[in-house]
Amino acid sequence: MVAAKIAPSMLSSDFANLASEADRMLRFGADWLHMDIMVKRFKLLVVHSFGRLTDKMGRHFVPNLTLGAPVIQSLRKHTKAYLDCHLMVTNPLDYVEQLGKAGASGFTFHVEASKDNWQEIVQQIKSKGMRPGVALKPGTPIEEVYPLLEGENPVEMVLVMTVEPGFGGQKFMPEMMDKVRALRKKYPSLDIEVDGGLGPSTINVAASAGANCIVAGSSVFGAPEPAHVISLLRKSVEEAAMRGGDGRRKRRISSSEEEAGTARRRKEEEKKEKKRKGKREKK
């Protein structure tokens, strides 16, 4: 049974207090911190999350500006958390080295931007001590990621976008769950991440389809009790996995068991991050 991983999207956090926001999410039970990275043509951006690109800025994967390698590097000084980086760029290979040096844990690139060189991208990601993942936009057929999962050097996670990438606060697209179901049926032990419009009203659909890595932004950061939302998201994924795994009747998980599980997962991620750091330093 794949483990539930809840990843609050830092795009929805208070950028002026990023370190404290990261610590707050981890204390509330988050497993990962999701970092959306969208870039200009000439350099990684370290600007606000709602700036619009102008035509003279060139060709880009998405129209918004957000986090960059300097922000990842700064945040890494204050946390041992798994930094789940989602690269929405047209040339992901150009950012592998700098994200690796900055301290990224996971590097997820888009299949739409890597059809000709994904093997090289995956190899470079792993060589820098990061975990490779591939993402696809709503309009991209799920079959396009299969070669990246079945090659000699496969990716280790698939991110199914449930909104168009580049903007927060969009409505969840339930029709994307057919992609999640297809992936879960074909790859039972794969980490399947969903991003966009996830919250208490949509989590059951995503979890039942087979998603185990949940990115949630405004539904967590905008909630009166973020810890409750994170707990709810986790519970839905775990109960869906139990039902889908062996058909046993679901058992209610106590709060003490949940807290113990969260602490255990965090220690495991910290150990993995320590190993990744050692690899990066050797490079």
Protein backbone atom coordinates (compact mmCIF):
# COMPACT_ATOMS: atom_id res chain seq x y z
CA MET A 1 0.00 0.00 0.00
CA VAL A 2 1.48 3.36 -1.03
CA ALA A 3 1.89 5.90 1.76
CA ALA A 4 -0.15 9.08 1.94
CA LYS A 5 1.93 12.22 1.46
CA ILE A 6 0.32 15.61 2.06
CA ALA A 7 2.16 18.53 0.47
CA PRO A 8 0.90 22.04 1.20
CA SER A 9 1.65 24.31 -1.74
CA MET A 10 3.91 27.11 -0.60
CA LEU A 11 2.59 29.23 -3.45
CA SER A 12 -0.35 29.95 -1.11
CA SER A 13 1.82 30.81 1.89
CA ASP A 14 2.93 34.18 3.22
CA PHE A 15 6.10 34.76 1.18
CA ALA A 16 7.38 37.29 3.70
CA ASN A 17 7.48 34.54 6.34
CA LEU A 18 8.31 31.49 4.24
CA ALA A 19 10.49 29.74 6.83
CA SER A 20 7.91 30.09 9.61
CA GLU A 21 5.13 29.05 7.22
CA ALA A 22 7.09 25.92 6.31
CA ASP A 23 7.63 25.09 9.98
CA ARG A 24 3.94 25.70 10.68
CA MET A 25 2.85 23.26 7.97
CA LEU A 26 5.21 20.56 9.22
CA ARG A 27 3.95 20.99 12.78
CA PHE A 28 0.43 20.62 11.43
CA GLY A 29 1.32 17.23 9.94
CA ALA A 30 2.51 17.90 6.39
CA ASP A 31 4.88 15.34 4.85
CA TRP A 32 6.27 17.45 2.00
CA LEU A 33 6.38 21.11 1.03
CA HIS A 34 5.32 21.68 -2.56
CA MET A 35 7.31 24.33 -4.41
CA ASP A 36 5.99 25.61 -7.74
CA ILE A 37 8.79 26.93 -9.91
CA MET A 38 8.01 28.97 -13.01
CA VAL A 39 10.69 30.97 -14.73
CA LYS A 40 11.47 33.79 -17.09
CA ARG A 41 13.39 33.15 -20.25
CA PHE A 42 16.70 34.42 -18.91
CA LYS A 43 16.73 33.73 -15.17
CA LEU A 44 14.92 32.03 -12.30
CA LEU A 45 12.45 34.35 -10.66
CA VAL A 46 12.29 35.33 -7.02
CA VAL A 47 9.20 37.52 -7.21
CA HIS A 48 5.59 37.60 -6.14
CA SER A 49 3.21 34.83 -7.18
CA PHE A 50 0.72 36.84 -9.23
CA GLY A 51 2.87 38.80 -11.68
CA ARG A 52 1.92 38.47 -15.32
CA LEU A 53 4.49 38.02 -18.06
CA THR A 54 4.46 40.42 -20.99
CA ASP A 55 4.89 39.42 -24.63
CA LYS A 56 8.42 40.77 -24.79
CA MET A 57 9.53 38.30 -22.11
CA GLY A 58 9.55 35.49 -24.65
CA ARG A 59 8.03 32.00 -24.78
CA HIS A 60 7.05 30.40 -21.46
CA PHE A 61 5.32 27.32 -20.17
CA VAL A 62 2.95 29.26 -17.91
CA PRO A 63 2.03 32.98 -17.68
CA ASN A 64 2.80 33.54 -13.97
CA LEU A 65 5.95 34.16 -11.95
CA THR A 66 6.82 32.45 -8.70
CA LEU A 67 9.55 30.70 -6.66
CA GLY A 68 13.09 30.08 -7.87
CA ALA A 69 16.37 28.43 -6.87
CA PRO A 70 17.43 31.27 -4.51
CA VAL A 71 14.21 30.83 -2.54
CA ILE A 72 14.73 27.06 -2.35
CA GLN A 73 18.29 27.63 -1.16
CA SER A 74 17.18 30.11 1.49
CA LEU A 75 14.38 27.86 2.74
CA ARG A 76 16.67 24.84 2.89
CA LYS A 77 18.73 26.62 5.57
CA HIS A 78 15.69 26.55 7.85
CA THR A 79 14.17 23.12 7.23
CA LYS A 80 15.04 19.48 6.66
CA ALA A 81 11.69 18.88 4.97
CA TYR A 82 11.24 17.18 1.62
CA LEU A 83 11.02 20.03 -0.89
CA ASP A 84 8.79 18.77 -3.68
CA CYS A 85 9.73 21.02 -6.62
CA HIS A 86 7.44 21.25 -9.64
CA LEU A 87 9.23 22.81 -12.61
CA MET A 88 6.89 24.49 -15.10
CA VAL A 89 9.55 25.44 -17.61
CA THR A 90 10.25 24.84 -21.28
CA ASN A 91 13.84 23.65 -20.74
CA PRO A 92 13.99 21.66 -17.46
CA LEU A 93 17.50 20.34 -18.08
CA ASP A 94 18.88 23.86 -17.63
CA TYR A 95 17.66 23.95 -14.01
CA VAL A 96 18.72 20.55 -12.68
CA GLU A 97 22.14 21.62 -11.44
CA GLN A 98 21.01 24.82 -9.73
CA LEU A 99 18.03 23.17 -8.05
CA GLY A 100 20.26 20.35 -6.87
CA LYS A 101 22.72 22.81 -5.36
CA ALA A 102 19.87 24.80 -3.82
CA GLY A 103 18.69 21.76 -1.88
CA ALA A 104 15.63 20.54 -3.77
CA SER A 105 14.53 17.02 -2.79
CA GLY A 106 12.27 16.19 -5.71
CA PHE A 107 12.44 17.53 -9.27
CA THR A 108 9.25 17.10 -11.29
CA PHE A 109 9.36 18.26 -14.91
CA HIS A 110 6.65 18.35 -17.56
CA VAL A 111 6.41 15.64 -20.19
CA GLU A 112 5.25 18.28 -22.68
CA ALA A 113 8.63 20.03 -22.37
CA SER A 114 10.86 16.96 -22.41
CA LYS A 115 9.79 14.59 -25.16
CA ASP A 116 13.21 14.61 -26.81
CA ASN A 117 15.54 14.45 -23.82
CA TRP A 118 13.70 13.01 -20.82
CA GLN A 119 16.26 10.20 -20.39
CA GLU A 120 19.05 12.73 -19.94
CA ILE A 121 16.92 14.84 -17.58
CA VAL A 122 16.15 11.86 -15.33
CA GLN A 123 19.78 10.80 -15.27
CA GLN A 124 20.94 14.29 -14.32
CA ILE A 125 18.26 14.64 -11.61
CA LYS A 126 19.35 11.41 -9.94
CA SER A 127 23.03 12.33 -10.24
CA LYS A 128 22.33 15.49 -8.22
CA GLY A 129 20.68 13.53 -5.42
CA MET A 130 17.09 14.42 -6.28
CA ARG A 131 14.06 12.24 -6.93
CA PRO A 132 12.68 12.51 -10.48
CA GLY A 133 9.02 12.93 -11.28
CA VAL A 134 7.05 13.80 -14.39
CA ALA A 135 3.95 16.01 -14.66
CA LEU A 136 1.31 16.37 -17.34
CA LYS A 137 -1.17 19.11 -18.09
CA PRO A 138 -4.93 18.42 -18.32
CA GLY A 139 -4.89 18.23 -22.11
CA THR A 140 -2.07 15.69 -22.32
CA PRO A 141 -3.00 11.99 -22.73
CA ILE A 142 -1.81 9.78 -19.88
CA GLU A 143 -0.16 7.43 -22.37
CA GLU A 144 2.58 10.02 -22.92
CA VAL A 145 4.12 9.32 -19.50
CA TYR A 146 4.23 5.54 -19.84
CA PRO A 147 7.64 5.47 -21.60
CA LEU A 148 9.11 7.48 -18.69
CA LEU A 149 7.89 4.84 -16.24
CA GLU A 150 9.03 1.84 -18.22
CA GLY A 151 12.45 2.92 -19.45
CA GLU A 152 15.82 1.81 -18.09
CA ASN A 153 16.01 4.84 -15.81
CA PRO A 154 12.38 5.59 -14.88
CA VAL A 155 10.83 8.50 -13.03
CA GLU A 156 9.57 7.74 -9.53
CA MET A 157 6.41 9.83 -9.42
CA VAL A 158 3.72 11.13 -11.78
CA LEU A 159 1.99 14.44 -11.11
CA VAL A 160 -1.46 14.68 -12.68
CA MET A 161 -2.48 18.34 -12.94
CA THR A 162 -6.15 18.76 -12.03
CA VAL A 163 -6.15 22.41 -13.12
CA GLU A 164 -4.23 24.29 -15.77
CA PRO A 165 -0.79 25.03 -14.30
CA GLY A 166 0.17 28.58 -13.43
CA PHE A 167 -2.68 29.91 -11.31
CA GLY A 168 -3.89 29.20 -7.78
CA GLY A 169 -7.52 28.90 -6.71
CA GLN A 170 -8.84 27.12 -9.81
CA LYS A 171 -11.65 24.56 -9.70
CA PHE A 172 -10.77 20.87 -9.50
CA MET A 173 -11.24 18.96 -12.78
CA PRO A 174 -12.78 15.57 -11.82
CA GLU A 175 -12.38 14.23 -15.36
CA MET A 176 -8.63 14.04 -14.71
CA MET A 177 -9.29 11.15 -12.32
CA ASP A 178 -9.48 8.76 -15.28
CA LYS A 179 -5.74 9.36 -15.67
CA VAL A 180 -5.14 8.59 -12.00
CA ARG A 181 -7.17 5.38 -12.22
CA ALA A 182 -5.25 4.25 -15.28
CA LEU A 183 -1.92 4.89 -13.55
CA ARG A 184 -2.91 3.14 -10.32
CA LYS A 185 -4.16 0.08 -12.20
CA LYS A 186 -0.99 -0.15 -14.29
CA TYR A 187 1.51 0.81 -11.54
CA PRO A 188 0.16 -0.26 -8.11
CA SER A 189 3.19 0.96 -6.11
CA LEU A 190 3.73 4.27 -7.93
CA ASP A 191 3.57 7.61 -6.16
CA ILE A 192 0.73 9.46 -7.92
CA GLU A 193 0.42 13.15 -7.10
CA VAL A 194 -2.51 15.43 -7.86
CA ASP A 195 -2.33 19.21 -7.85
CA GLY A 196 -5.09 21.77 -8.28
CA GLY A 197 -8.34 22.41 -6.45
CA LEU A 198 -7.74 19.75 -3.79
CA GLY A 199 -9.49 20.20 -0.47
CA PRO A 200 -12.14 18.66 1.81
CA SER A 201 -14.80 18.70 -0.93
CA THR A 202 -12.66 17.00 -3.60
CA ILE A 203 -10.21 14.75 -1.75
CA ASN A 204 -12.45 11.68 -1.67
CA VAL A 205 -12.72 11.63 -5.46
CA ALA A 206 -8.94 11.90 -5.86
CA ALA A 207 -8.14 9.39 -3.14
CA SER A 208 -10.66 6.85 -4.44
CA ALA A 209 -9.12 7.12 -7.90
CA GLY A 210 -5.73 6.17 -6.45
CA ALA A 211 -3.87 9.41 -5.76
CA ASN A 212 -1.63 9.20 -2.69
CA CYS A 213 0.38 12.45 -2.90
CA ILE A 214 -1.89 15.44 -2.38
CA VAL A 215 -0.91 19.03 -3.14
CA ALA A 216 -3.22 21.54 -1.48
CA GLY A 217 -2.76 25.29 -1.37
CA SER A 218 -5.60 27.65 -0.52
CA SER A 219 -7.67 24.89 1.11
CA VAL A 220 -4.91 24.45 3.71
CA PHE A 221 -3.43 27.93 4.10
CA GLY A 222 -6.84 29.59 3.95
CA ALA A 223 -8.46 27.28 6.48
CA PRO A 224 -9.19 28.38 10.07
CA GLU A 225 -7.60 25.10 11.19
CA PRO A 226 -4.99 23.94 8.63
CA ALA A 227 -4.04 20.95 10.80
CA HIS A 228 -7.59 19.64 10.57
CA VAL A 229 -7.56 19.91 6.76
CA ILE A 230 -4.21 18.12 6.50
CA SER A 231 -5.51 15.37 8.79
CA LEU A 232 -8.68 15.04 6.71
CA LEU A 233 -6.71 14.76 3.47
CA ARG A 234 -4.47 12.06 4.93
CA LYS A 235 -7.36 10.10 6.38
CA SER A 236 -9.15 10.04 3.03
CA VAL A 237 -6.05 8.74 1.20
CA GLU A 238 -5.34 6.08 3.83
CA GLU A 239 -8.91 4.83 3.97
CA ALA A 240 -9.17 4.71 0.17
CA ALA A 241 -5.89 2.76 0.00
CA MET A 242 -7.19 0.27 2.55
CA ARG A 243 -10.41 -0.26 0.65
CA GLY A 244 -8.60 -0.62 -2.64
CA GLY A 245 -5.77 -2.72 -1.27
CA ASP A 246 -7.34 -5.89 0.09
CA GLY A 247 -11.02 -5.10 0.45
CA ARG A 248 -10.92 -5.16 4.25
CA ARG A 249 -13.33 -3.08 6.20
CA LYS A 250 -11.79 0.29 6.94
CA ARG A 251 -10.63 0.88 10.52
CA ARG A 252 -10.83 4.29 12.13
CA ILE A 253 -7.33 5.65 12.80
CA SER A 254 -6.90 7.19 16.23
CA SER A 255 -5.31 10.60 16.66
CA SER A 256 -2.35 9.06 18.53
CA GLU A 257 -1.73 6.60 15.70
CA GLU A 258 -1.94 9.41 13.18
CA GLU A 259 0.55 11.56 15.11
CA ALA A 260 2.93 8.62 15.50
CA GLY A 261 2.68 7.88 11.79
CA THR A 262 3.37 11.50 10.88
CA ALA A 263 6.42 11.61 13.16
CA ARG A 264 7.74 8.37 11.69
CA ARG A 265 7.29 9.55 8.12
CA ARG A 266 9.03 12.84 8.92
CA LYS A 267 12.04 11.03 10.41
CA GLU A 268 12.26 8.83 7.33
CA GLU A 269 12.15 11.87 5.05
CA GLU A 270 14.83 13.61 7.13
CA LYS A 271 17.10 10.56 6.81
CA LYS A 272 16.56 10.50 3.05
CA GLU A 273 17.21 14.23 2.84
CA LYS A 274 20.46 13.78 4.78
CA LYS A 275 21.58 11.18 2.23
CA ARG A 276 20.64 13.47 -0.65
CA LYS A 277 22.58 16.30 0.98
CA GLY A 278 25.62 14.06 1.22
CA LYS A 279 25.36 13.24 -2.47
CA ARG A 280 25.03 16.91 -3.39
CA GLU A 281 28.06 17.84 -1.30
CA LYS A 282 30.15 15.11 -2.95
CA LYS A 283 29.24 16.61 -6.34
